[in-house]
Amino acid sequence: MAVPFIGKLVVFGVGLIGGSFAMALKSAGAVGQVVGVGRSRANLERALARGAIDAVGEDLAAVLKDADLVLLAVPVAQTPAVMQAIEPHLEPACVITDGGSTKQDVVAAARLAFGDRIVQFVPAHPIAGGEHSSVDAADAGLYRNKLVVVTPLSETEPRATELVRKAWLACGVRLAEMTPADHDAVFAAVSHLPHALAFALVEMMAARPNGETLFSFAGAGFRDFTRIASSSPEMWRDICLANGPALLREIDAYQAALMHLRHLVEAGEGGALAAHFERARAARNAWLKRRGEA
């Protein structure tokens, strides 16, 4: 039996991300006790029943006493308020990390809330999840062989970064490191834009007078393209607003690509259209091959 290297873990937001993190660490024998904090008592009780947490936390002073690691797994718009609330109760040895999909806004909030305690904060982003967000969707194996991006700051204590890296590795992940700015630029393109597009397409269809007819004929292609439109609207509202400048650049680039496609169709450029689709197919197949999914 592994000896836990995290005595006490506190998870704010015991949903898919926070619950899966706790369950993975428990499964690995890496944590002694997990305390969950959240807005919904019913969800926390469900987390207790599923074994994701060992106790429900209410009084922050008691919750954070002797905590080794704190994970902030709440929607990004709620992160600043949680940071402000926990700061007075953080002990010097406690390490704080997060699982947010945007990083520059989180870092700015952390600097404002934590002050000199920013040395204890290690921003991170697990590239895993799905369209369901409650603890009922949590899974100890969610992160296995998935990518986690860690974005430590120049002043982050090395021992804090090492603990967060060690915790994620215990979950079975692959680690990458980048700056918060680079992170936000990359994920605006490969994550935030696709979610925005899926929501926009479904909303467009639903708003049409013949929307019900359209949906009745939609098949697997529409289902697969729009799967992520079943994700949490609250979470994706917050992400789009938090990473607005980078997302707007990607929306503009996508509009330009659509206009090019429109031109090819309008001009009847069959050869150019086929070449366009072939390049896209080759790029996607190469990506799948690199992921071992070919």
C-alpha atoms as a PDB file:
ATOM      1  CA  MET A   1       0.000   0.000   0.000  1.00  0.00           C
ATOM      2  CA  ALA A   2       1.403   3.362  -1.048  1.00  0.00           C
ATOM      3  CA  VAL A   3       2.120   5.905   1.670  1.00  0.00           C
ATOM      4  CA  PRO A   4       0.061   9.066   1.027  1.00  0.00           C
ATOM      5  CA  PHE A   5       2.246  12.048   0.163  1.00  0.00           C
ATOM      6  CA  ILE A   6      -0.784  14.334   0.530  1.00  0.00           C
ATOM      7  CA  GLY A   7      -2.135  14.201   4.055  1.00  0.00           C
ATOM      8  CA  LYS A   8      -5.155  16.423   3.481  1.00  0.00           C
ATOM      9  CA  LEU A   9      -6.626  17.531   0.174  1.00  0.00           C
ATOM     10  CA  VAL A  10      -9.356  20.169  -0.023  1.00  0.00           C
ATOM     11  CA  VAL A  11     -11.417  20.316  -3.214  1.00  0.00           C
ATOM     12  CA  PHE A  12     -13.550  23.356  -3.978  1.00  0.00           C
ATOM     13  CA  GLY A  13     -16.066  22.221  -6.571  1.00  0.00           C
ATOM     14  CA  VAL A  14     -16.532  18.451  -6.402  1.00  0.00           C
ATOM     15  CA  GLY A  15     -17.801  17.908  -9.923  1.00  0.00           C
ATOM     16  CA  LEU A  16     -16.308  16.019 -12.854  1.00  0.00           C
ATOM     17  CA  ILE A  17     -12.863  17.620 -12.572  1.00  0.00           C
ATOM     18  CA  GLY A  18     -12.556  17.931  -8.798  1.00  0.00           C
ATOM     19  CA  GLY A  19     -14.275  14.643  -8.053  1.00  0.00           C
ATOM     20  CA  SER A  20     -12.177  12.702 -10.556  1.00  0.00           C
ATOM     21  CA  PHE A  21      -8.971  14.253  -9.174  1.00  0.00           C
ATOM     22  CA  ALA A  22      -9.887  13.181  -5.642  1.00  0.00           C
ATOM     23  CA  MET A  23     -10.941   9.691  -6.730  1.00  0.00           C
ATOM     24  CA  ALA A  24      -7.770   9.171  -8.763  1.00  0.00           C
ATOM     25  CA  LEU A  25      -5.544  10.190  -5.856  1.00  0.00           C
ATOM     26  CA  LYS A  26      -7.505   7.949  -3.489  1.00  0.00           C
ATOM     27  CA  SER A  27      -7.209   5.048  -5.913  1.00  0.00           C
ATOM     28  CA  ALA A  28      -3.439   5.625  -6.103  1.00  0.00           C
ATOM     29  CA  GLY A  29      -3.118   5.741  -2.318  1.00  0.00           C
ATOM     30  CA  ALA A  30      -1.671   9.234  -2.656  1.00  0.00           C
ATOM     31  CA  VAL A  31      -3.990  11.069  -0.240  1.00  0.00           C
ATOM     32  CA  GLY A  32      -5.014  10.526   3.344  1.00  0.00           C
ATOM     33  CA  GLN A  33      -8.182  12.651   3.620  1.00  0.00           C
ATOM     34  CA  VAL A  34     -10.284  14.580   1.110  1.00  0.00           C
ATOM     35  CA  VAL A  35     -12.583  17.400   2.195  1.00  0.00           C
ATOM     36  CA  GLY A  36     -15.094  18.737  -0.313  1.00  0.00           C
ATOM     37  CA  VAL A  37     -16.515  22.247  -0.424  1.00  0.00           C
ATOM     38  CA  GLY A  38     -19.235  23.449  -2.783  1.00  0.00           C
ATOM     39  CA  ARG A  39     -22.494  25.284  -3.385  1.00  0.00           C
ATOM     40  CA  SER A  40     -24.745  22.222  -3.543  1.00  0.00           C
ATOM     41  CA  ARG A  41     -25.148  20.159  -0.404  1.00  0.00           C
ATOM     42  CA  ALA A  42     -26.885  17.463  -2.454  1.00  0.00           C
ATOM     43  CA  ASN A  43     -23.874  17.164  -4.768  1.00  0.00           C
ATOM     44  CA  LEU A  44     -21.502  16.981  -1.793  1.00  0.00           C
ATOM     45  CA  GLU A  45     -23.617  14.262  -0.191  1.00  0.00           C
ATOM     46  CA  ARG A  46     -23.472  12.377  -3.470  1.00  0.00           C
ATOM     47  CA  ALA A  47     -19.684  12.828  -3.490  1.00  0.00           C
ATOM     48  CA  LEU A  48     -19.574  11.330   0.006  1.00  0.00           C
ATOM     49  CA  ALA A  49     -21.712   8.401  -1.083  1.00  0.00           C
ATOM     50  CA  ARG A  50     -19.460   7.769  -4.090  1.00  0.00           C
ATOM     51  CA  GLY A  51     -16.318   7.930  -1.950  1.00  0.00           C
ATOM     52  CA  ALA A  52     -14.918  10.925  -3.809  1.00  0.00           C
ATOM     53  CA  ILE A  53     -14.584  12.826  -0.521  1.00  0.00           C
ATOM     54  CA  ASP A  54     -14.339  11.840   3.123  1.00  0.00           C
ATOM     55  CA  ALA A  55     -15.970  14.907   4.648  1.00  0.00           C
ATOM     56  CA  VAL A  56     -18.011  17.962   3.713  1.00  0.00           C
ATOM     57  CA  GLY A  57     -16.348  21.240   4.640  1.00  0.00           C
ATOM     58  CA  GLU A  58     -18.229  24.338   5.770  1.00  0.00           C
ATOM     59  CA  ASP A  59     -16.098  26.433   8.122  1.00  0.00           C
ATOM     60  CA  LEU A  60     -13.114  27.548   6.030  1.00  0.00           C
ATOM     61  CA  ALA A  61     -10.740  27.906   8.968  1.00  0.00           C
ATOM     62  CA  ALA A  62     -11.358  24.289   9.960  1.00  0.00           C
ATOM     63  CA  VAL A  63     -11.392  23.081   6.352  1.00  0.00           C
ATOM     64  CA  LEU A  64      -7.992  24.583   5.555  1.00  0.00           C
ATOM     65  CA  LYS A  65      -6.256  23.741   8.818  1.00  0.00           C
ATOM     66  CA  ASP A  66      -3.335  21.406   8.061  1.00  0.00           C
ATOM     67  CA  ALA A  67      -4.302  21.210   4.382  1.00  0.00           C
ATOM     68  CA  ASP A  68      -1.418  20.120   2.165  1.00  0.00           C
ATOM     69  CA  LEU A  69      -3.078  20.788  -1.182  1.00  0.00           C
ATOM     70  CA  VAL A  70      -6.110  22.805  -2.275  1.00  0.00           C
ATOM     71  CA  LEU A  71      -7.700  22.281  -5.703  1.00  0.00           C
ATOM     72  CA  LEU A  72      -9.955  25.020  -7.045  1.00  0.00           C
ATOM     73  CA  ALA A  73     -12.244  23.229  -9.482  1.00  0.00           C
ATOM     74  CA  VAL A  74     -15.044  25.794  -9.659  1.00  0.00           C
ATOM     75  CA  PRO A  75     -16.156  27.705 -12.790  1.00  0.00           C
ATOM     76  CA  VAL A  76     -13.514  30.298 -13.611  1.00  0.00           C
ATOM     77  CA  ALA A  77     -15.794  33.244 -12.816  1.00  0.00           C
ATOM     78  CA  GLN A  78     -16.158  31.943  -9.251  1.00  0.00           C
ATOM     79  CA  THR A  79     -12.431  31.475  -8.734  1.00  0.00           C
ATOM     80  CA  PRO A  80     -11.597  35.044  -7.589  1.00  0.00           C
ATOM     81  CA  ALA A  81     -14.231  34.963  -4.824  1.00  0.00           C
ATOM     82  CA  VAL A  82     -13.030  31.561  -3.595  1.00  0.00           C
ATOM     83  CA  MET A  83      -9.434  32.793  -3.580  1.00  0.00           C
ATOM     84  CA  GLN A  84     -10.397  35.861  -1.565  1.00  0.00           C
ATOM     85  CA  ALA A  85     -12.316  33.699   0.910  1.00  0.00           C
ATOM     86  CA  ILE A  86      -9.554  31.167   1.541  1.00  0.00           C
ATOM     87  CA  GLU A  87      -6.565  33.537   1.700  1.00  0.00           C
ATOM     88  CA  PRO A  88      -6.892  34.428   5.416  1.00  0.00           C
ATOM     89  CA  HIS A  89      -6.915  30.739   6.347  1.00  0.00           C
ATOM     90  CA  LEU A  90      -4.043  29.431   4.211  1.00  0.00           C
ATOM     91  CA  GLU A  91      -1.094  28.009   6.096  1.00  0.00           C
ATOM     92  CA  PRO A  92       2.451  28.576   4.784  1.00  0.00           C
ATOM     93  CA  ALA A  93       2.937  24.942   3.799  1.00  0.00           C
ATOM     94  CA  CYS A  94      -0.339  24.678   1.892  1.00  0.00           C
ATOM     95  CA  VAL A  95      -0.113  24.512  -1.912  1.00  0.00           C
ATOM     96  CA  ILE A  96      -2.967  25.849  -4.034  1.00  0.00           C
ATOM     97  CA  THR A  97      -3.705  24.816  -7.608  1.00  0.00           C
ATOM     98  CA  ASP A  98      -6.650  25.056  -9.967  1.00  0.00           C
ATOM     99  CA  GLY A  99      -8.200  23.199 -12.881  1.00  0.00           C
ATOM    100  CA  GLY A 100      -9.510  26.138 -14.887  1.00  0.00           C
ATOM    101  CA  SER A 101      -9.597  26.212 -18.677  1.00  0.00           C
ATOM    102  CA  THR A 102      -8.177  29.746 -18.772  1.00  0.00           C
ATOM    103  CA  LYS A 103      -5.032  30.862 -17.038  1.00  0.00           C
ATOM    104  CA  GLN A 104      -4.217  34.569 -17.411  1.00  0.00           C
ATOM    105  CA  ASP A 105      -7.412  35.666 -15.655  1.00  0.00           C
ATOM    106  CA  VAL A 106      -6.881  33.099 -12.907  1.00  0.00           C
ATOM    107  CA  VAL A 107      -3.306  34.267 -12.375  1.00  0.00           C
ATOM    108  CA  ALA A 108      -4.446  37.891 -12.165  1.00  0.00           C
ATOM    109  CA  ALA A 109      -7.089  36.941  -9.592  1.00  0.00           C
ATOM    110  CA  ALA A 110      -4.516  34.958  -7.614  1.00  0.00           C
ATOM    111  CA  ARG A 111      -2.096  37.884  -7.502  1.00  0.00           C
ATOM    112  CA  LEU A 112      -4.863  40.123  -6.217  1.00  0.00           C
ATOM    113  CA  ALA A 113      -6.178  37.639  -3.634  1.00  0.00           C
ATOM    114  CA  PHE A 114      -3.008  35.957  -2.415  1.00  0.00           C
ATOM    115  CA  GLY A 115      -0.447  38.768  -2.429  1.00  0.00           C
ATOM    116  CA  ASP A 116       2.816  37.324  -1.138  1.00  0.00           C
ATOM    117  CA  ARG A 117       1.159  33.903  -0.926  1.00  0.00           C
ATOM    118  CA  ILE A 118       1.270  33.737  -4.725  1.00  0.00           C
ATOM    119  CA  VAL A 119       4.441  31.664  -4.217  1.00  0.00           C
ATOM    120  CA  GLN A 120       2.138  28.853  -3.020  1.00  0.00           C
ATOM    121  CA  PHE A 121      -0.020  28.887  -6.164  1.00  0.00           C
ATOM    122  CA  VAL A 122       0.507  26.583  -9.150  1.00  0.00           C
ATOM    123  CA  PRO A 123      -1.959  27.169 -12.023  1.00  0.00           C
ATOM    124  CA  ALA A 124      -2.850  24.054 -13.999  1.00  0.00           C
ATOM    125  CA  HIS A 125      -5.354  22.761 -16.542  1.00  0.00           C
ATOM    126  CA  PRO A 126      -6.276  19.086 -17.034  1.00  0.00           C
ATOM    127  CA  ILE A 127      -7.211  18.420 -20.660  1.00  0.00           C
ATOM    128  CA  ALA A 128      -9.934  15.968 -19.830  1.00  0.00           C
ATOM    129  CA  GLY A 129     -13.622  16.152 -19.247  1.00  0.00           C
ATOM    130  CA  GLY A 130     -16.879  15.766 -21.047  1.00  0.00           C
ATOM    131  CA  GLU A 131     -20.315  17.192 -21.500  1.00  0.00           C
ATOM    132  CA  HIS A 132     -21.428  16.160 -18.002  1.00  0.00           C
ATOM    133  CA  SER A 133     -20.165  18.113 -15.001  1.00  0.00           C
ATOM    134  CA  SER A 134     -21.587  16.697 -11.753  1.00  0.00           C
ATOM    135  CA  VAL A 135     -19.846  14.309  -9.367  1.00  0.00           C
ATOM    136  CA  ASP A 136     -21.958  11.504 -10.821  1.00  0.00           C
ATOM    137  CA  ALA A 137     -19.766  11.766 -13.930  1.00  0.00           C
ATOM    138  CA  ALA A 138     -16.519  11.651 -11.908  1.00  0.00           C
ATOM    139  CA  ASP A 139     -14.208   8.721 -12.578  1.00  0.00           C
ATOM    140  CA  ALA A 140     -10.919   7.681 -10.995  1.00  0.00           C
ATOM    141  CA  GLY A 141      -9.635   6.808 -14.466  1.00  0.00           C
ATOM    142  CA  LEU A 142     -10.677  10.049 -16.171  1.00  0.00           C
ATOM    143  CA  TYR A 143      -7.147  11.448 -16.333  1.00  0.00           C
ATOM    144  CA  ARG A 144      -5.267   8.295 -17.254  1.00  0.00           C
ATOM    145  CA  ASN A 145      -2.918   9.109 -20.151  1.00  0.00           C
ATOM    146  CA  LYS A 146      -4.541  12.530 -20.571  1.00  0.00           C
ATOM    147  CA  LEU A 147      -2.570  15.749 -20.815  1.00  0.00           C
ATOM    148  CA  VAL A 148      -2.304  18.217 -17.931  1.00  0.00           C
ATOM    149  CA  VAL A 149      -0.769  21.625 -18.573  1.00  0.00           C
ATOM    150  CA  VAL A 150       1.020  23.225 -15.622  1.00  0.00           C
ATOM    151  CA  THR A 151       1.743  26.964 -15.836  1.00  0.00           C
ATOM    152  CA  PRO A 152       3.870  27.856 -12.777  1.00  0.00           C
ATOM    153  CA  LEU A 153       4.793  31.492 -12.270  1.00  0.00           C
ATOM    154  CA  SER A 154       8.296  32.884 -11.993  1.00  0.00           C
ATOM    155  CA  GLU A 155       7.835  33.301  -8.250  1.00  0.00           C
ATOM    156  CA  THR A 156       6.139  29.963  -7.592  1.00  0.00           C
ATOM    157  CA  GLU A 157       8.039  27.942  -5.009  1.00  0.00           C
ATOM    158  CA  PRO A 158       9.690  24.884  -6.617  1.00  0.00           C
ATOM    159  CA  ARG A 159       8.371  22.612  -3.860  1.00  0.00           C
ATOM    160  CA  ALA A 160       4.810  23.787  -4.686  1.00  0.00           C
ATOM    161  CA  THR A 161       5.236  23.028  -8.382  1.00  0.00           C
ATOM    162  CA  GLU A 162       6.738  19.641  -7.551  1.00  0.00           C
ATOM    163  CA  LEU A 163       3.792  18.685  -5.324  1.00  0.00           C
ATOM    164  CA  VAL A 164       1.261  19.589  -8.013  1.00  0.00           C
ATOM    165  CA  ARG A 165       3.221  17.722 -10.667  1.00  0.00           C
ATOM    166  CA  LYS A 166       3.517  14.689  -8.380  1.00  0.00           C
ATOM    167  CA  ALA A 167      -0.211  14.749  -7.620  1.00  0.00           C
ATOM    168  CA  TRP A 168      -1.164  14.806 -11.288  1.00  0.00           C
ATOM    169  CA  LEU A 169       1.354  12.109 -12.159  1.00  0.00           C
ATOM    170  CA  ALA A 170      -0.261   9.923  -9.493  1.00  0.00           C
ATOM    171  CA  CYS A 171      -3.485  10.302 -11.516  1.00  0.00           C
ATOM    172  CA  GLY A 172      -1.718   8.750 -14.520  1.00  0.00           C
ATOM    173  CA  VAL A 173      -1.413  11.862 -16.675  1.00  0.00           C
ATOM    174  CA  ARG A 174       1.104  13.208 -19.165  1.00  0.00           C
ATOM    175  CA  LEU A 175       2.459  16.590 -18.148  1.00  0.00           C
ATOM    176  CA  ALA A 176       3.253  19.669 -20.214  1.00  0.00           C
ATOM    177  CA  GLU A 177       4.389  23.124 -19.121  1.00  0.00           C
ATOM    178  CA  MET A 178       3.815  26.516 -20.732  1.00  0.00           C
ATOM    179  CA  THR A 179       3.210  30.129 -19.816  1.00  0.00           C
ATOM    180  CA  PRO A 180      -0.331  31.287 -18.971  1.00  0.00           C
ATOM    181  CA  ALA A 181      -0.410  33.497 -22.092  1.00  0.00           C
ATOM    182  CA  ASP A 182       0.680  30.682 -24.411  1.00  0.00           C
ATOM    183  CA  HIS A 183      -1.854  28.372 -22.767  1.00  0.00           C
ATOM    184  CA  ASP A 184      -4.741  30.760 -23.410  1.00  0.00           C
ATOM    185  CA  ALA A 185      -3.758  31.332 -27.031  1.00  0.00           C
ATOM    186  CA  VAL A 186      -3.500  27.601 -27.750  1.00  0.00           C
ATOM    187  CA  PHE A 187      -6.728  26.592 -26.057  1.00  0.00           C
ATOM    188  CA  ALA A 188      -8.709  29.415 -27.603  1.00  0.00           C
ATOM    189  CA  ALA A 189      -8.032  27.641 -30.897  1.00  0.00           C
ATOM    190  CA  VAL A 190      -8.351  23.964 -30.011  1.00  0.00           C
ATOM    191  CA  SER A 191     -10.958  24.029 -27.232  1.00  0.00           C
ATOM    192  CA  HIS A 192     -12.787  27.298 -26.704  1.00  0.00           C
ATOM    193  CA  LEU A 193     -13.548  27.915 -30.393  1.00  0.00           C
ATOM    194  CA  PRO A 194     -14.915  24.379 -31.029  1.00  0.00           C
ATOM    195  CA  HIS A 195     -17.241  24.667 -28.024  1.00  0.00           C
ATOM    196  CA  ALA A 196     -18.468  28.079 -29.162  1.00  0.00           C
ATOM    197  CA  LEU A 197     -19.092  26.706 -32.668  1.00  0.00           C
ATOM    198  CA  ALA A 198     -21.054  23.714 -31.361  1.00  0.00           C
ATOM    199  CA  PHE A 199     -23.275  25.913 -29.218  1.00  0.00           C
ATOM    200  CA  ALA A 200     -23.779  28.364 -32.093  1.00  0.00           C
ATOM    201  CA  LEU A 201     -24.775  25.656 -34.581  1.00  0.00           C
ATOM    202  CA  VAL A 202     -27.336  24.065 -32.262  1.00  0.00           C
ATOM    203  CA  GLU A 203     -28.762  27.466 -31.309  1.00  0.00           C
ATOM    204  CA  MET A 204     -29.032  28.423 -34.979  1.00  0.00           C
ATOM    205  CA  MET A 205     -30.948  25.229 -35.817  1.00  0.00           C
ATOM    206  CA  ALA A 206     -33.199  25.467 -32.765  1.00  0.00           C
ATOM    207  CA  ALA A 207     -34.125  29.081 -33.554  1.00  0.00           C
ATOM    208  CA  ARG A 208     -35.377  28.290 -37.059  1.00  0.00           C
ATOM    209  CA  PRO A 209     -39.137  27.948 -37.618  1.00  0.00           C
ATOM    210  CA  ASN A 210     -38.543  24.422 -38.933  1.00  0.00           C
ATOM    211  CA  GLY A 211     -36.056  23.569 -36.178  1.00  0.00           C
ATOM    212  CA  GLU A 212     -37.935  20.478 -35.018  1.00  0.00           C
ATOM    213  CA  THR A 213     -37.946  19.115 -38.556  1.00  0.00           C
ATOM    214  CA  LEU A 214     -34.228  19.744 -38.917  1.00  0.00           C
ATOM    215  CA  PHE A 215     -33.448  17.965 -35.660  1.00  0.00           C
ATOM    216  CA  SER A 216     -35.650  15.023 -36.628  1.00  0.00           C
ATOM    217  CA  PHE A 217     -33.433  14.373 -39.652  1.00  0.00           C
ATOM    218  CA  ALA A 218     -30.085  15.052 -37.966  1.00  0.00           C
ATOM    219  CA  GLY A 219     -27.807  12.024 -37.884  1.00  0.00           C
ATOM    220  CA  ALA A 220     -24.498  10.882 -36.449  1.00  0.00           C
ATOM    221  CA  GLY A 221     -22.489  13.672 -38.058  1.00  0.00           C
ATOM    222  CA  PHE A 222     -24.595  16.360 -36.407  1.00  0.00           C
ATOM    223  CA  ARG A 223     -24.533  14.445 -33.113  1.00  0.00           C
ATOM    224  CA  ASP A 224     -20.744  14.097 -33.139  1.00  0.00           C
ATOM    225  CA  PHE A 225     -20.101  17.690 -34.182  1.00  0.00           C
ATOM    226  CA  THR A 226     -22.420  19.093 -31.514  1.00  0.00           C
ATOM    227  CA  ARG A 227     -21.721  16.688 -28.619  1.00  0.00           C
ATOM    228  CA  ILE A 228     -19.910  19.366 -26.642  1.00  0.00           C
ATOM    229  CA  ALA A 229     -22.936  21.666 -26.849  1.00  0.00           C
ATOM    230  CA  SER A 230     -24.325  19.524 -24.013  1.00  0.00           C
ATOM    231  CA  SER A 231     -21.589  20.957 -21.753  1.00  0.00           C
ATOM    232  CA  SER A 232     -22.285  23.338 -18.874  1.00  0.00           C
ATOM    233  CA  PRO A 233     -23.501  26.709 -20.225  1.00  0.00           C
ATOM    234  CA  GLU A 234     -22.315  28.452 -17.051  1.00  0.00           C
ATOM    235  CA  MET A 235     -18.818  27.059 -17.384  1.00  0.00           C
ATOM    236  CA  TRP A 236     -18.492  27.908 -21.068  1.00  0.00           C
ATOM    237  CA  ARG A 237     -19.936  31.385 -20.635  1.00  0.00           C
ATOM    238  CA  ASP A 238     -17.212  32.038 -18.075  1.00  0.00           C
ATOM    239  CA  ILE A 239     -14.461  30.579 -20.260  1.00  0.00           C
ATOM    240  CA  CYS A 240     -15.488  32.571 -23.343  1.00  0.00           C
ATOM    241  CA  LEU A 241     -15.575  35.830 -21.398  1.00  0.00           C
ATOM    242  CA  ALA A 242     -12.347  35.123 -19.508  1.00  0.00           C
ATOM    243  CA  ASN A 243     -10.430  34.358 -22.704  1.00  0.00           C
ATOM    244  CA  GLY A 244     -12.320  36.842 -24.857  1.00  0.00           C
ATOM    245  CA  PRO A 245      -9.439  38.496 -26.773  1.00  0.00           C
ATOM    246  CA  ALA A 246      -7.879  35.196 -27.837  1.00  0.00           C
ATOM    247  CA  LEU A 247     -11.263  33.655 -28.653  1.00  0.00           C
ATOM    248  CA  LEU A 248     -12.260  36.651 -30.774  1.00  0.00           C
ATOM    249  CA  ARG A 249      -9.079  36.260 -32.835  1.00  0.00           C
ATOM    250  CA  GLU A 250      -9.960  32.618 -33.465  1.00  0.00           C
ATOM    251  CA  ILE A 251     -13.570  33.462 -34.366  1.00  0.00           C
ATOM    252  CA  ASP A 252     -12.287  36.012 -36.897  1.00  0.00           C
ATOM    253  CA  ALA A 253      -9.899  33.432 -38.359  1.00  0.00           C
ATOM    254  CA  TYR A 254     -12.704  30.870 -38.607  1.00  0.00           C
ATOM    255  CA  GLN A 255     -14.988  33.395 -40.293  1.00  0.00           C
ATOM    256  CA  ALA A 256     -12.257  34.009 -42.865  1.00  0.00           C
ATOM    257  CA  ALA A 257     -11.952  30.259 -43.437  1.00  0.00           C
ATOM    258  CA  LEU A 258     -15.726  29.971 -43.879  1.00  0.00           C
ATOM    259  CA  MET A 259     -15.744  32.835 -46.342  1.00  0.00           C
ATOM    260  CA  HIS A 260     -13.028  31.080 -48.350  1.00  0.00           C
ATOM    261  CA  LEU A 261     -15.111  27.912 -48.343  1.00  0.00           C
ATOM    262  CA  ARG A 262     -18.176  29.912 -49.369  1.00  0.00           C
ATOM    263  CA  HIS A 263     -16.233  31.383 -52.286  1.00  0.00           C
ATOM    264  CA  LEU A 264     -15.174  27.928 -53.497  1.00  0.00           C
ATOM    265  CA  VAL A 265     -18.759  26.642 -53.378  1.00  0.00           C
ATOM    266  CA  GLU A 266     -20.193  29.775 -54.999  1.00  0.00           C
ATOM    267  CA  ALA A 267     -17.595  29.685 -57.781  1.00  0.00           C
ATOM    268  CA  GLY A 268     -18.120  25.982 -58.395  1.00  0.00           C
ATOM    269  CA  GLU A 269     -14.431  25.293 -57.778  1.00  0.00           C
ATOM    270  CA  GLY A 270     -14.771  21.536 -57.375  1.00  0.00           C
ATOM    271  CA  GLY A 271     -11.064  20.805 -57.666  1.00  0.00           C
ATOM    272  CA  ALA A 272     -10.077  23.439 -55.136  1.00  0.00           C
ATOM    273  CA  LEU A 273     -12.858  22.292 -52.818  1.00  0.00           C
ATOM    274  CA  ALA A 274     -11.679  18.685 -52.965  1.00  0.00           C
ATOM    275  CA  ALA A 275      -8.086  19.770 -52.308  1.00  0.00           C
ATOM    276  CA  HIS A 276      -9.293  21.866 -49.368  1.00  0.00           C
ATOM    277  CA  PHE A 277     -11.093  18.872 -47.859  1.00  0.00           C
ATOM    278  CA  GLU A 278      -8.168  16.539 -48.549  1.00  0.00           C
ATOM    279  CA  ARG A 279      -5.735  18.791 -46.690  1.00  0.00           C
ATOM    280  CA  ALA A 280      -8.101  18.919 -43.740  1.00  0.00           C
ATOM    281  CA  ARG A 281      -8.602  15.140 -43.744  1.00  0.00           C
ATOM    282  CA  ALA A 282      -4.844  14.498 -43.943  1.00  0.00           C
ATOM    283  CA  ALA A 283      -4.166  16.898 -41.070  1.00  0.00           C
ATOM    284  CA  ARG A 284      -6.837  15.293 -38.885  1.00  0.00           C
ATOM    285  CA  ASN A 285      -5.690  11.753 -39.663  1.00  0.00           C
ATOM    286  CA  ALA A 286      -2.097  12.695 -38.844  1.00  0.00           C
ATOM    287  CA  TRP A 287      -3.280  14.147 -35.524  1.00  0.00           C
ATOM    288  CA  LEU A 288      -5.223  10.963 -34.724  1.00  0.00           C
ATOM    289  CA  LYS A 289      -2.174   8.871 -35.573  1.00  0.00           C
ATOM    290  CA  ARG A 290      -0.019  10.887 -33.185  1.00  0.00           C
ATOM    291  CA  ARG A 291      -2.645  10.288 -30.493  1.00  0.00           C
ATOM    292  CA  GLY A 292      -2.645   6.559 -31.225  1.00  0.00           C
ATOM    293  CA  GLU A 293      -6.244   6.684 -32.453  1.00  0.00           C
ATOM    294  CA  ALA A 294      -5.717   6.036 -36.138  1.00  0.00           C
END
